[in-house]
Structures are given as structure tokens and as C-alpha cells.
Amino acid sequence: FEGMIAQVSAGSEMASMVSYDQRRRLLKGLFESYYA
């Protein structure tokens, strides 16, 4: 969870490519995938 936030935070080249809603969905998907 922490690593995914770091990848899309300020200072990362990916930051401008991932919106707020996308970040929320990615983080939720992390849980859904891990506990699938």
C-alpha cells in the first residue's frame, strides 16, 4: 500500500499520469487482488 502511493506521489514521473480516483481504485484493487 505504501509502495503504491510512493510510485504515484510528487517526485515520481508517474504522478501526473494517475488521478486521485485512479489512485483510490488502485489501492482498493490491491486489497481485492491480495485477498481474491
Full PDB file with SEQRES, HELIX, SHEET, SSBOND, CRYST1, ORIGX, SCALE, CONECT and MASTER records, all heavy atoms in Angstrom:
SEQRES   1 A   36  PHE GLU GLY MET ILE ALA GLN VAL SER ALA GLY SER GLU          
SEQRES   2 A   36  MET ALA SER MET VAL SER TYR ASP GLN ARG ARG ARG LEU          
SEQRES   3 A   36  LEU LYS GLY LEU PHE GLU SER TYR TYR ALA                      
HELIX    1 AA1 GLU A    2  GLN A    7  1                                   6    
HELIX    2 AA2 ALA A   15  MET A   17  5                                   3    
HELIX    3 AA3 TYR A   20  TYR A   34  1                                  15    
CRYST1    1.000    1.000    1.000  90.00  90.00  90.00 P 1           1          
ORIGX1      1.000000  0.000000  0.000000        0.00000                         
ORIGX2      0.000000  1.000000  0.000000        0.00000                         
ORIGX3      0.000000  0.000000  1.000000        0.00000                         
SCALE1      1.000000  0.000000  0.000000        0.00000                         
SCALE2      0.000000  1.000000  0.000000        0.00000                         
SCALE3      0.000000  0.000000  1.000000        0.00000                         
ATOM      1  N   PHE A   1       0.839  -1.200   0.000  1.00  0.00           N  
ATOM      2  CA  PHE A   1       0.000   0.000   0.000  1.00  0.00           C  
ATOM      3  C   PHE A   1       0.878   1.257   0.000  1.00  0.00           C  
ATOM      4  O   PHE A   1       0.692   2.173  -0.808  1.00  0.00           O  
ATOM      5  CB  PHE A   1      -0.882  -0.049   1.253  1.00  0.00           C  
ATOM      6  CG  PHE A   1      -1.996   0.958   1.316  1.00  0.00           C  
ATOM      7  CD1 PHE A   1      -3.253   0.663   0.812  1.00  0.00           C  
ATOM      8  CD2 PHE A   1      -1.792   2.192   1.927  1.00  0.00           C  
ATOM      9  CE1 PHE A   1      -4.294   1.576   0.909  1.00  0.00           C  
ATOM     10  CE2 PHE A   1      -2.829   3.109   2.029  1.00  0.00           C  
ATOM     11  CZ  PHE A   1      -4.086   2.803   1.510  1.00  0.00           C  
ATOM     12  N   GLU A   2       1.858   1.285   0.891  1.00  0.00           N  
ATOM     13  CA  GLU A   2       2.778   2.415   0.980  1.00  0.00           C  
ATOM     14  C   GLU A   2       3.601   2.557  -0.302  1.00  0.00           C  
ATOM     15  O   GLU A   2       3.819   3.661  -0.806  1.00  0.00           O  
ATOM     16  CB  GLU A   2       3.702   2.239   2.185  1.00  0.00           C  
ATOM     17  CG  GLU A   2       4.790   3.279   2.328  1.00  0.00           C  
ATOM     18  CD  GLU A   2       4.268   4.669   2.613  1.00  0.00           C  
ATOM     19  OE1 GLU A   2       3.135   4.778   3.134  1.00  0.00           O  
ATOM     20  OE2 GLU A   2       4.982   5.640   2.318  1.00  0.00           O  
ATOM     21  N   GLY A   3       4.051   1.410  -0.841  1.00  0.00           N  
ATOM     22  CA  GLY A   3       4.850   1.443  -2.056  1.00  0.00           C  
ATOM     23  C   GLY A   3       4.073   1.968  -3.251  1.00  0.00           C  
ATOM     24  O   GLY A   3       4.618   2.708  -4.083  1.00  0.00           O  
ATOM     25  N   MET A   4       2.796   1.598  -3.355  1.00  0.00           N  
ATOM     26  CA  MET A   4       1.981   2.065  -4.469  1.00  0.00           C  
ATOM     27  C   MET A   4       1.765   3.572  -4.383  1.00  0.00           C  
ATOM     28  O   MET A   4       1.831   4.287  -5.396  1.00  0.00           O  
ATOM     29  CB  MET A   4       0.643   1.327  -4.502  1.00  0.00           C  
ATOM     30  CG  MET A   4      -0.236   1.714  -5.679  1.00  0.00           C  
ATOM     31  SD  MET A   4      -1.727   0.692  -5.815  1.00  0.00           S  
ATOM     32  CE  MET A   4      -1.017  -0.841  -6.403  1.00  0.00           C  
ATOM     33  N   ILE A   5       1.507   4.080  -3.180  1.00  0.00           N  
ATOM     34  CA  ILE A   5       1.354   5.530  -3.012  1.00  0.00           C  
ATOM     35  C   ILE A   5       2.646   6.238  -3.409  1.00  0.00           C  
ATOM     36  O   ILE A   5       2.625   7.282  -4.079  1.00  0.00           O  
ATOM     37  CB  ILE A   5       0.963   5.866  -1.569  1.00  0.00           C  
ATOM     38  CG1 ILE A   5      -0.456   5.356  -1.261  1.00  0.00           C  
ATOM     39  CG2 ILE A   5       1.027   7.370  -1.324  1.00  0.00           C  
ATOM     40  CD1 ILE A   5      -0.896   5.569   0.160  1.00  0.00           C  
ATOM     41  N   ALA A   6       3.787   5.678  -3.025  1.00  0.00           N  
ATOM     42  CA  ALA A   6       5.078   6.298  -3.356  1.00  0.00           C  
ATOM     43  C   ALA A   6       5.283   6.382  -4.861  1.00  0.00           C  
ATOM     44  O   ALA A   6       5.841   7.364  -5.375  1.00  0.00           O  
ATOM     45  CB  ALA A   6       6.218   5.505  -2.701  1.00  0.00           C  
ATOM     46  N   GLN A   7       4.814   5.377  -5.576  1.00  0.00           N  
ATOM     47  CA  GLN A   7       5.015   5.344  -7.025  1.00  0.00           C  
ATOM     48  C   GLN A   7       4.236   6.425  -7.762  1.00  0.00           C  
ATOM     49  O   GLN A   7       4.598   6.793  -8.887  1.00  0.00           O  
ATOM     50  CB  GLN A   7       4.633   3.962  -7.572  1.00  0.00           C  
ATOM     51  CG  GLN A   7       5.612   2.860  -7.240  1.00  0.00           C  
ATOM     52  CD  GLN A   7       6.976   3.094  -7.871  1.00  0.00           C  
ATOM     53  OE1 GLN A   7       7.085   3.400  -9.060  1.00  0.00           O  
ATOM     54  NE2 GLN A   7       8.022   2.973  -7.072  1.00  0.00           N  
ATOM     55  N   VAL A   8       3.168   6.922  -7.164  1.00  0.00           N  
ATOM     56  CA  VAL A   8       2.341   7.917  -7.859  1.00  0.00           C  
ATOM     57  C   VAL A   8       2.360   9.277  -7.151  1.00  0.00           C  
ATOM     58  O   VAL A   8       1.565  10.152  -7.474  1.00  0.00           O  
ATOM     59  CB  VAL A   8       0.886   7.416  -8.002  1.00  0.00           C  
ATOM     60  CG1 VAL A   8       0.836   6.149  -8.834  1.00  0.00           C  
ATOM     61  CG2 VAL A   8       0.244   7.157  -6.631  1.00  0.00           C  
ATOM     62  N   SER A   9       3.264   9.441  -6.197  1.00  0.00           N  
ATOM     63  CA  SER A   9       3.337  10.692  -5.452  1.00  0.00           C  
ATOM     64  C   SER A   9       4.249  11.701  -6.143  1.00  0.00           C  
ATOM     65  O   SER A   9       4.983  11.369  -7.078  1.00  0.00           O  
ATOM     66  CB  SER A   9       3.845  10.434  -4.029  1.00  0.00           C  
ATOM     67  OG  SER A   9       2.888   9.706  -3.287  1.00  0.00           O  
ATOM     68  N   ALA A  10       4.205  12.939  -5.663  1.00  0.00           N  
ATOM     69  CA  ALA A  10       5.036  14.008  -6.215  1.00  0.00           C  
ATOM     70  C   ALA A  10       6.504  13.592  -6.222  1.00  0.00           C  
ATOM     71  O   ALA A  10       7.008  13.021  -5.255  1.00  0.00           O  
ATOM     72  CB  ALA A  10       4.852  15.277  -5.397  1.00  0.00           C  
ATOM     73  N   GLY A  11       7.173  13.894  -7.326  1.00  0.00           N  
ATOM     74  CA  GLY A  11       8.561  13.495  -7.466  1.00  0.00           C  
ATOM     75  C   GLY A  11       8.729  12.272  -8.327  1.00  0.00           C  
ATOM     76  O   GLY A  11       9.822  11.993  -8.837  1.00  0.00           O  
ATOM     77  N   SER A  12       7.647  11.517  -8.507  1.00  0.00           N  
ATOM     78  CA  SER A  12       7.670  10.360  -9.389  1.00  0.00           C  
ATOM     79  C   SER A  12       7.222  10.777 -10.783  1.00  0.00           C  
ATOM     80  O   SER A  12       6.331  11.609 -10.943  1.00  0.00           O  
ATOM     81  CB  SER A  12       6.733   9.266  -8.863  1.00  0.00           C  
ATOM     82  OG  SER A  12       6.507   8.277  -9.849  1.00  0.00           O  
ATOM     83  N   GLU A  13       7.845  10.217 -11.788  1.00  0.00           N  
ATOM     84  CA  GLU A  13       7.457  10.551 -13.168  1.00  0.00           C  
ATOM     85  C   GLU A  13       6.047  10.069 -13.489  1.00  0.00           C  
ATOM     86  O   GLU A  13       5.442  10.509 -14.457  1.00  0.00           O  
ATOM     87  CB  GLU A  13       8.451   9.936 -14.152  1.00  0.00           C  
ATOM     88  CG  GLU A  13       8.531   8.423 -14.097  1.00  0.00           C  
ATOM     89  CD  GLU A  13       9.582   7.848 -15.039  1.00  0.00           C  
ATOM     90  OE1 GLU A  13      10.350   8.626 -15.625  1.00  0.00           O  
ATOM     91  OE2 GLU A  13       9.608   6.615 -15.173  1.00  0.00           O  
ATOM     92  N   MET A  14       5.513   9.181 -12.640  1.00  0.00           N  
ATOM     93  CA  MET A  14       4.166   8.656 -12.857  1.00  0.00           C  
ATOM     94  C   MET A  14       3.084   9.537 -12.236  1.00  0.00           C  
ATOM     95  O   MET A  14       1.900   9.350 -12.514  1.00  0.00           O  
ATOM     96  CB  MET A  14       4.051   7.249 -12.263  1.00  0.00           C  
ATOM     97  CG  MET A  14       5.066   6.258 -12.773  1.00  0.00           C  
ATOM     98  SD  MET A  14       4.853   5.913 -14.533  1.00  0.00           S  
ATOM     99  CE  MET A  14       6.181   4.740 -14.793  1.00  0.00           C  
ATOM    100  N   ALA A  15       3.463  10.475 -11.383  1.00  0.00           N  
ATOM    101  CA  ALA A  15       2.489  11.209 -10.583  1.00  0.00           C  
ATOM    102  C   ALA A  15       1.423  11.888 -11.433  1.00  0.00           C  
ATOM    103  O   ALA A  15       0.225  11.836 -11.117  1.00  0.00           O  
ATOM    104  CB  ALA A  15       3.200  12.239  -9.717  1.00  0.00           C  
ATOM    105  N   SER A  16       1.812  12.540 -12.507  1.00  0.00           N  
ATOM    106  CA  SER A  16       0.853  13.291 -13.318  1.00  0.00           C  
ATOM    107  C   SER A  16      -0.041  12.396 -14.159  1.00  0.00           C  
ATOM    108  O   SER A  16      -1.028  12.863 -14.746  1.00  0.00           O  
ATOM    109  CB  SER A  16       1.604  14.265 -14.241  1.00  0.00           C  
ATOM    110  OG  SER A  16       2.445  13.552 -15.138  1.00  0.00           O  
ATOM    111  N   MET A  17       0.274  11.101 -14.224  1.00  0.00           N  
ATOM    112  CA  MET A  17      -0.477  10.177 -15.076  1.00  0.00           C  
ATOM    113  C   MET A  17      -1.590   9.459 -14.333  1.00  0.00           C  
ATOM    114  O   MET A  17      -2.402   8.773 -14.955  1.00  0.00           O  
ATOM    115  CB  MET A  17       0.483   9.139 -15.687  1.00  0.00           C  
ATOM    116  CG  MET A  17       1.616   9.746 -16.490  1.00  0.00           C  
ATOM    117  SD  MET A  17       2.863   8.525 -16.971  1.00  0.00           S  
ATOM    118  CE  MET A  17       1.881   7.411 -17.975  1.00  0.00           C  
ATOM    119  N   VAL A  18      -1.629   9.587 -13.002  1.00  0.00           N  
ATOM    120  CA  VAL A  18      -2.586   8.825 -12.201  1.00  0.00           C  
ATOM    121  C   VAL A  18      -3.431   9.798 -11.390  1.00  0.00           C  
ATOM    122  O   VAL A  18      -2.921  10.494 -10.503  1.00  0.00           O  
ATOM    123  CB  VAL A  18      -1.866   7.831 -11.257  1.00  0.00           C  
ATOM    124  CG1 VAL A  18      -2.880   6.933 -10.569  1.00  0.00           C  
ATOM    125  CG2 VAL A  18      -0.851   6.997 -12.027  1.00  0.00           C  
ATOM    126  N   SER A  19      -4.720   9.843 -11.663  1.00  0.00           N  
ATOM    127  CA  SER A  19      -5.610  10.777 -10.986  1.00  0.00           C  
ATOM    128  C   SER A  19      -5.930  10.305  -9.569  1.00  0.00           C  
ATOM    129  O   SER A  19      -5.647   9.166  -9.191  1.00  0.00           O  
ATOM    130  CB  SER A  19      -6.911  10.928 -11.777  1.00  0.00           C  
ATOM    131  OG  SER A  19      -7.675   9.730 -11.700  1.00  0.00           O  
ATOM    132  N   TYR A  20      -6.579  11.184  -8.819  1.00  0.00           N  
ATOM    133  CA  TYR A  20      -7.000  10.869  -7.451  1.00  0.00           C  
ATOM    134  C   TYR A  20      -7.903   9.637  -7.437  1.00  0.00           C  
ATOM    135  O   TYR A  20      -7.706   8.710  -6.638  1.00  0.00           O  
ATOM    136  CB  TYR A  20      -7.727  12.077  -6.866  1.00  0.00           C  
ATOM    137  CG  TYR A  20      -8.232  11.887  -5.454  1.00  0.00           C  
ATOM    138  CD1 TYR A  20      -7.453  12.238  -4.363  1.00  0.00           C  
ATOM    139  CD2 TYR A  20      -9.510  11.370  -5.212  1.00  0.00           C  
ATOM    140  CE1 TYR A  20      -7.913  12.090  -3.062  1.00  0.00           C  
ATOM    141  CE2 TYR A  20      -9.979  11.210  -3.913  1.00  0.00           C  
ATOM    142  CZ  TYR A  20      -9.181  11.566  -2.851  1.00  0.00           C  
ATOM    143  OH  TYR A  20      -9.645  11.408  -1.580  1.00  0.00           O  
ATOM    144  N   ASP A  21      -8.902   9.608  -8.316  1.00  0.00           N  
ATOM    145  CA  ASP A  21      -9.818   8.471  -8.352  1.00  0.00           C  
ATOM    146  C   ASP A  21      -9.114   7.199  -8.786  1.00  0.00           C  
ATOM    147  O   ASP A  21      -9.432   6.105  -8.286  1.00  0.00           O  
ATOM    148  CB  ASP A  21     -10.991   8.766  -9.290  1.00  0.00           C  
ATOM    149  CG  ASP A  21     -11.961   9.778  -8.711  1.00  0.00           C  
ATOM    150  OD1 ASP A  21     -11.971   9.938  -7.469  1.00  0.00           O  
ATOM    151  OD2 ASP A  21     -12.700  10.407  -9.486  1.00  0.00           O  
ATOM    152  N   GLN A  22      -8.173   7.320  -9.703  1.00  0.00           N  
ATOM    153  CA  GLN A  22      -7.409   6.135 -10.108  1.00  0.00           C  
ATOM    154  C   GLN A  22      -6.572   5.596  -8.951  1.00  0.00           C  
ATOM    155  O   GLN A  22      -6.463   4.382  -8.764  1.00  0.00           O  
ATOM    156  CB  GLN A  22      -6.502   6.484 -11.291  1.00  0.00           C  
ATOM    157  CG  GLN A  22      -7.237   6.641 -12.615  1.00  0.00           C  
ATOM    158  CD  GLN A  22      -6.317   7.092 -13.727  1.00  0.00           C  
ATOM    159  OE1 GLN A  22      -5.489   7.988 -13.543  1.00  0.00           O  
ATOM    160  NE2 GLN A  22      -6.452   6.476 -14.894  1.00  0.00           N  
ATOM    161  N   ARG A  23      -5.999   6.488  -8.187  1.00  0.00           N  
ATOM    162  CA  ARG A  23      -5.198   6.058  -7.034  1.00  0.00           C  
ATOM    163  C   ARG A  23      -6.070   5.295  -6.038  1.00  0.00           C  
ATOM    164  O   ARG A  23      -5.674   4.247  -5.519  1.00  0.00           O  
ATOM    165  CB  ARG A  23      -4.557   7.269  -6.352  1.00  0.00           C  
ATOM    166  CG  ARG A  23      -3.575   8.014  -7.229  1.00  0.00           C  
ATOM    167  CD  ARG A  23      -2.964   9.209  -6.518  1.00  0.00           C  
ATOM    168  NE  ARG A  23      -2.246  10.058  -7.454  1.00  0.00           N  
ATOM    169  CZ  ARG A  23      -1.334  10.954  -7.112  1.00  0.00           C  
ATOM    170  NH1 ARG A  23      -1.024  11.119  -5.832  1.00  0.00           N  
ATOM    171  NH2 ARG A  23      -0.723  11.687  -8.018  1.00  0.00           N  
ATOM    172  N   ARG A  24      -7.251   5.828  -5.768  1.00  0.00           N  
ATOM    173  CA  ARG A  24      -8.158   5.154  -4.839  1.00  0.00           C  
ATOM    174  C   ARG A  24      -8.539   3.772  -5.364  1.00  0.00           C  
ATOM    175  O   ARG A  24      -8.549   2.803  -4.591  1.00  0.00           O  
ATOM    176  CB  ARG A  24      -9.407   6.013  -4.626  1.00  0.00           C  
ATOM    177  CG  ARG A  24     -10.424   5.414  -3.659  1.00  0.00           C  
ATOM    178  CD  ARG A  24     -11.563   6.378  -3.387  1.00  0.00           C  
ATOM    179  NE  ARG A  24     -12.121   6.929  -4.609  1.00  0.00           N  
ATOM    180  CZ  ARG A  24     -12.993   6.287  -5.390  1.00  0.00           C  
ATOM    181  NH1 ARG A  24     -13.397   5.059  -5.061  1.00  0.00           N  
ATOM    182  NH2 ARG A  24     -13.463   6.853  -6.473  1.00  0.00           N  
ATOM    183  N   ARG A  25      -8.823   3.670  -6.668  1.00  0.00           N  
ATOM    184  CA  ARG A  25      -9.198   2.367  -7.236  1.00  0.00           C  
ATOM    185  C   ARG A  25      -8.020   1.390  -7.217  1.00  0.00           C  
ATOM    186  O   ARG A  25      -8.197   0.190  -6.964  1.00  0.00           O  
ATOM    187  CB  ARG A  25      -9.720   2.541  -8.658  1.00  0.00           C  
ATOM    188  CG  ARG A  25     -11.083   3.228  -8.744  1.00  0.00           C  
ATOM    189  CD  ARG A  25     -11.711   3.041 -10.111  1.00  0.00           C  
ATOM    190  NE  ARG A  25     -10.908   3.626 -11.171  1.00  0.00           N  
ATOM    191  CZ  ARG A  25     -11.057   4.868 -11.623  1.00  0.00           C  
ATOM    192  NH1 ARG A  25     -11.939   5.684 -11.057  1.00  0.00           N  
ATOM    193  NH2 ARG A  25     -10.305   5.321 -12.622  1.00  0.00           N  
ATOM    194  N   LEU A  26      -6.830   1.904  -7.497  1.00  0.00           N  
ATOM    195  CA  LEU A  26      -5.648   1.042  -7.466  1.00  0.00           C  
ATOM    196  C   LEU A  26      -5.417   0.484  -6.070  1.00  0.00           C  
ATOM    197  O   LEU A  26      -5.116  -0.703  -5.897  1.00  0.00           O  
ATOM    198  CB  LEU A  26      -4.415   1.822  -7.917  1.00  0.00           C  
ATOM    199  CG  LEU A  26      -4.270   2.073  -9.416  1.00  0.00           C  
ATOM    200  CD1 LEU A  26      -3.166   3.089  -9.683  1.00  0.00           C  
ATOM    201  CD2 LEU A  26      -3.976   0.768 -10.155  1.00  0.00           C  
ATOM    202  N   LEU A  27      -5.561   1.334  -5.064  1.00  0.00           N  
ATOM    203  CA  LEU A  27      -5.340   0.888  -3.695  1.00  0.00           C  
ATOM    204  C   LEU A  27      -6.407  -0.109  -3.249  1.00  0.00           C  
ATOM    205  O   LEU A  27      -6.106  -1.101  -2.575  1.00  0.00           O  
ATOM    206  CB  LEU A  27      -5.306   2.092  -2.753  1.00  0.00           C  
ATOM    207  CG  LEU A  27      -4.086   3.012  -2.945  1.00  0.00           C  
ATOM    208  CD1 LEU A  27      -4.279   4.316  -2.199  1.00  0.00           C  
ATOM    209  CD2 LEU A  27      -2.804   2.317  -2.486  1.00  0.00           C  
ATOM    210  N   LYS A  28      -7.644   0.134  -3.640  1.00  0.00           N  
ATOM    211  CA  LYS A  28      -8.707  -0.823  -3.325  1.00  0.00           C  
ATOM    212  C   LYS A  28      -8.464  -2.131  -4.063  1.00  0.00           C  
ATOM    213  O   LYS A  28      -8.646  -3.227  -3.509  1.00  0.00           O  
ATOM    214  CB  LYS A  28     -10.070  -0.251  -3.695  1.00  0.00           C  
ATOM    215  CG  LYS A  28     -11.226  -1.152  -3.289  1.00  0.00           C  
ATOM    216  CD  LYS A  28     -12.573  -0.492  -3.552  1.00  0.00           C  
ATOM    217  CE  LYS A  28     -13.716  -1.388  -3.085  1.00  0.00           C  
ATOM    218  NZ  LYS A  28     -15.036  -0.769  -3.325  1.00  0.00           N  
ATOM    219  N   GLY A  29      -8.027  -2.033  -5.319  1.00  0.00           N  
ATOM    220  CA  GLY A  29      -7.742  -3.238  -6.096  1.00  0.00           C  
ATOM    221  C   GLY A  29      -6.615  -4.057  -5.515  1.00  0.00           C  
ATOM    222  O   GLY A  29      -6.580  -5.288  -5.676  1.00  0.00           O  
ATOM    223  N   LEU A  30      -5.694  -3.392  -4.832  1.00  0.00           N  
ATOM    224  CA  LEU A  30      -4.605  -4.113  -4.173  1.00  0.00           C  
ATOM    225  C   LEU A  30      -5.157  -5.081  -3.141  1.00  0.00           C  
ATOM    226  O   LEU A  30      -4.754  -6.251  -3.072  1.00  0.00           O  
ATOM    227  CB  LEU A  30      -3.668  -3.095  -3.518  1.00  0.00           C  
ATOM    228  CG  LEU A  30      -2.458  -3.624  -2.763  1.00  0.00           C  
ATOM    229  CD1 LEU A  30      -1.524  -4.361  -3.705  1.00  0.00           C  
ATOM    230  CD2 LEU A  30      -1.724  -2.460  -2.092  1.00  0.00           C  
ATOM    231  N   PHE A  31      -6.114  -4.620  -2.345  1.00  0.00           N  
ATOM    232  CA  PHE A  31      -6.749  -5.480  -1.349  1.00  0.00           C  
ATOM    233  C   PHE A  31      -7.543  -6.603  -2.019  1.00  0.00           C  
ATOM    234  O   PHE A  31      -7.459  -7.767  -1.624  1.00  0.00           O  
ATOM    235  CB  PHE A  31      -7.673  -4.659  -0.451  1.00  0.00           C  
ATOM    236  CG  PHE A  31      -6.972  -3.880   0.612  1.00  0.00           C  
ATOM    237  CD1 PHE A  31      -6.403  -2.642   0.324  1.00  0.00           C  
ATOM    238  CD2 PHE A  31      -6.859  -4.366   1.904  1.00  0.00           C  
ATOM    239  CE1 PHE A  31      -5.762  -1.916   1.306  1.00  0.00           C  
ATOM    240  CE2 PHE A  31      -6.212  -3.643   2.893  1.00  0.00           C  
ATOM    241  CZ  PHE A  31      -5.657  -2.408   2.587  1.00  0.00           C  
ATOM    242  N   GLU A  32      -8.324  -6.248  -3.022  1.00  0.00           N  
ATOM    243  CA  GLU A  32      -9.160  -7.244  -3.694  1.00  0.00           C  
ATOM    244  C   GLU A  32      -8.303  -8.321  -4.349  1.00  0.00           C  
ATOM    245  O   GLU A  32      -8.640  -9.511  -4.313  1.00  0.00           O  
ATOM    246  CB  GLU A  32     -10.043  -6.563  -4.746  1.00  0.00           C  
ATOM    247  CG  GLU A  32     -11.068  -5.590  -4.170  1.00  0.00           C  
ATOM    248  CD  GLU A  32     -12.187  -6.281  -3.409  1.00  0.00           C  
ATOM    249  OE1 GLU A  32     -12.187  -7.521  -3.310  1.00  0.00           O  
ATOM    250  OE2 GLU A  32     -13.060  -5.563  -2.881  1.00  0.00           O  
ATOM    251  N   SER A  33      -7.176  -7.924  -4.924  1.00  0.00           N  
ATOM    252  CA  SER A  33      -6.296  -8.901  -5.571  1.00  0.00           C  
ATOM    253  C   SER A  33      -5.612  -9.792  -4.542  1.00  0.00           C  
ATOM    254  O   SER A  33      -5.540 -11.010  -4.704  1.00  0.00           O  
ATOM    255  CB  SER A  33      -5.246  -8.181  -6.419  1.00  0.00           C  
ATOM    256  OG  SER A  33      -5.843  -7.457  -7.462  1.00  0.00           O  
ATOM    257  N   TYR A  34      -5.110  -9.170  -3.473  1.00  0.00           N  
ATOM    258  CA  TYR A  34      -4.385  -9.948  -2.472  1.00  0.00           C  
ATOM    259  C   TYR A  34      -5.301 -10.968  -1.793  1.00  0.00           C  
ATOM    260  O   TYR A  34      -4.877 -12.093  -1.506  1.00  0.00           O  
ATOM    261  CB  TYR A  34      -3.781  -9.000  -1.428  1.00  0.00           C  
ATOM    262  CG  TYR A  34      -2.937  -9.708  -0.398  1.00  0.00           C  
ATOM    263  CD1 TYR A  34      -1.632 -10.099  -0.690  1.00  0.00           C  
ATOM    264  CD2 TYR A  34      -3.443 -10.000   0.872  1.00  0.00           C  
ATOM    265  CE1 TYR A  34      -0.857 -10.756   0.255  1.00  0.00           C  
ATOM    266  CE2 TYR A  34      -2.674 -10.655   1.812  1.00  0.00           C  
ATOM    267  CZ  TYR A  34      -1.387 -11.024   1.503  1.00  0.00           C  
ATOM    268  OH  TYR A  34      -0.624 -11.690   2.433  1.00  0.00           O  
ATOM    269  N   TYR A  35      -6.553 -10.582  -1.543  1.00  0.00           N  
ATOM    270  CA  TYR A  35      -7.478 -11.467  -0.842  1.00  0.00           C  
ATOM    271  C   TYR A  35      -8.441 -12.191  -1.786  1.00  0.00           C  
ATOM    272  O   TYR A  35      -9.458 -12.719  -1.335  1.00  0.00           O  
ATOM    273  CB  TYR A  35      -8.265 -10.672   0.200  1.00  0.00           C  
ATOM    274  CG  TYR A  35      -7.426 -10.270   1.394  1.00  0.00           C  
ATOM    275  CD1 TYR A  35      -7.041  -8.943   1.598  1.00  0.00           C  
ATOM    276  CD2 TYR A  35      -7.001 -11.226   2.316  1.00  0.00           C  
ATOM    277  CE1 TYR A  35      -6.254  -8.579   2.694  1.00  0.00           C  
ATOM    278  CE2 TYR A  35      -6.221 -10.879   3.404  1.00  0.00           C  
ATOM    279  CZ  TYR A  35      -5.853  -9.561   3.587  1.00  0.00           C  
ATOM    280  OH  TYR A  35      -5.077  -9.219   4.675  1.00  0.00           O  
ATOM    281  N   ALA A  36      -8.111 -12.246  -3.058  1.00  0.00           N  
ATOM    282  CA  ALA A  36      -9.011 -12.858  -4.039  1.00  0.00           C  
ATOM    283  C   ALA A  36      -9.271 -14.334  -3.753  1.00  0.00           C  
ATOM    284  O   ALA A  36     -10.336 -14.862  -4.112  1.00  0.00           O  
ATOM    285  CB  ALA A  36      -8.437 -12.686  -5.443  1.00  0.00           C  
TER     286      ALA A  36                                                      
MASTER        0    0    0    3    0    0    0    6  285    1    0    3          
END                                                                             
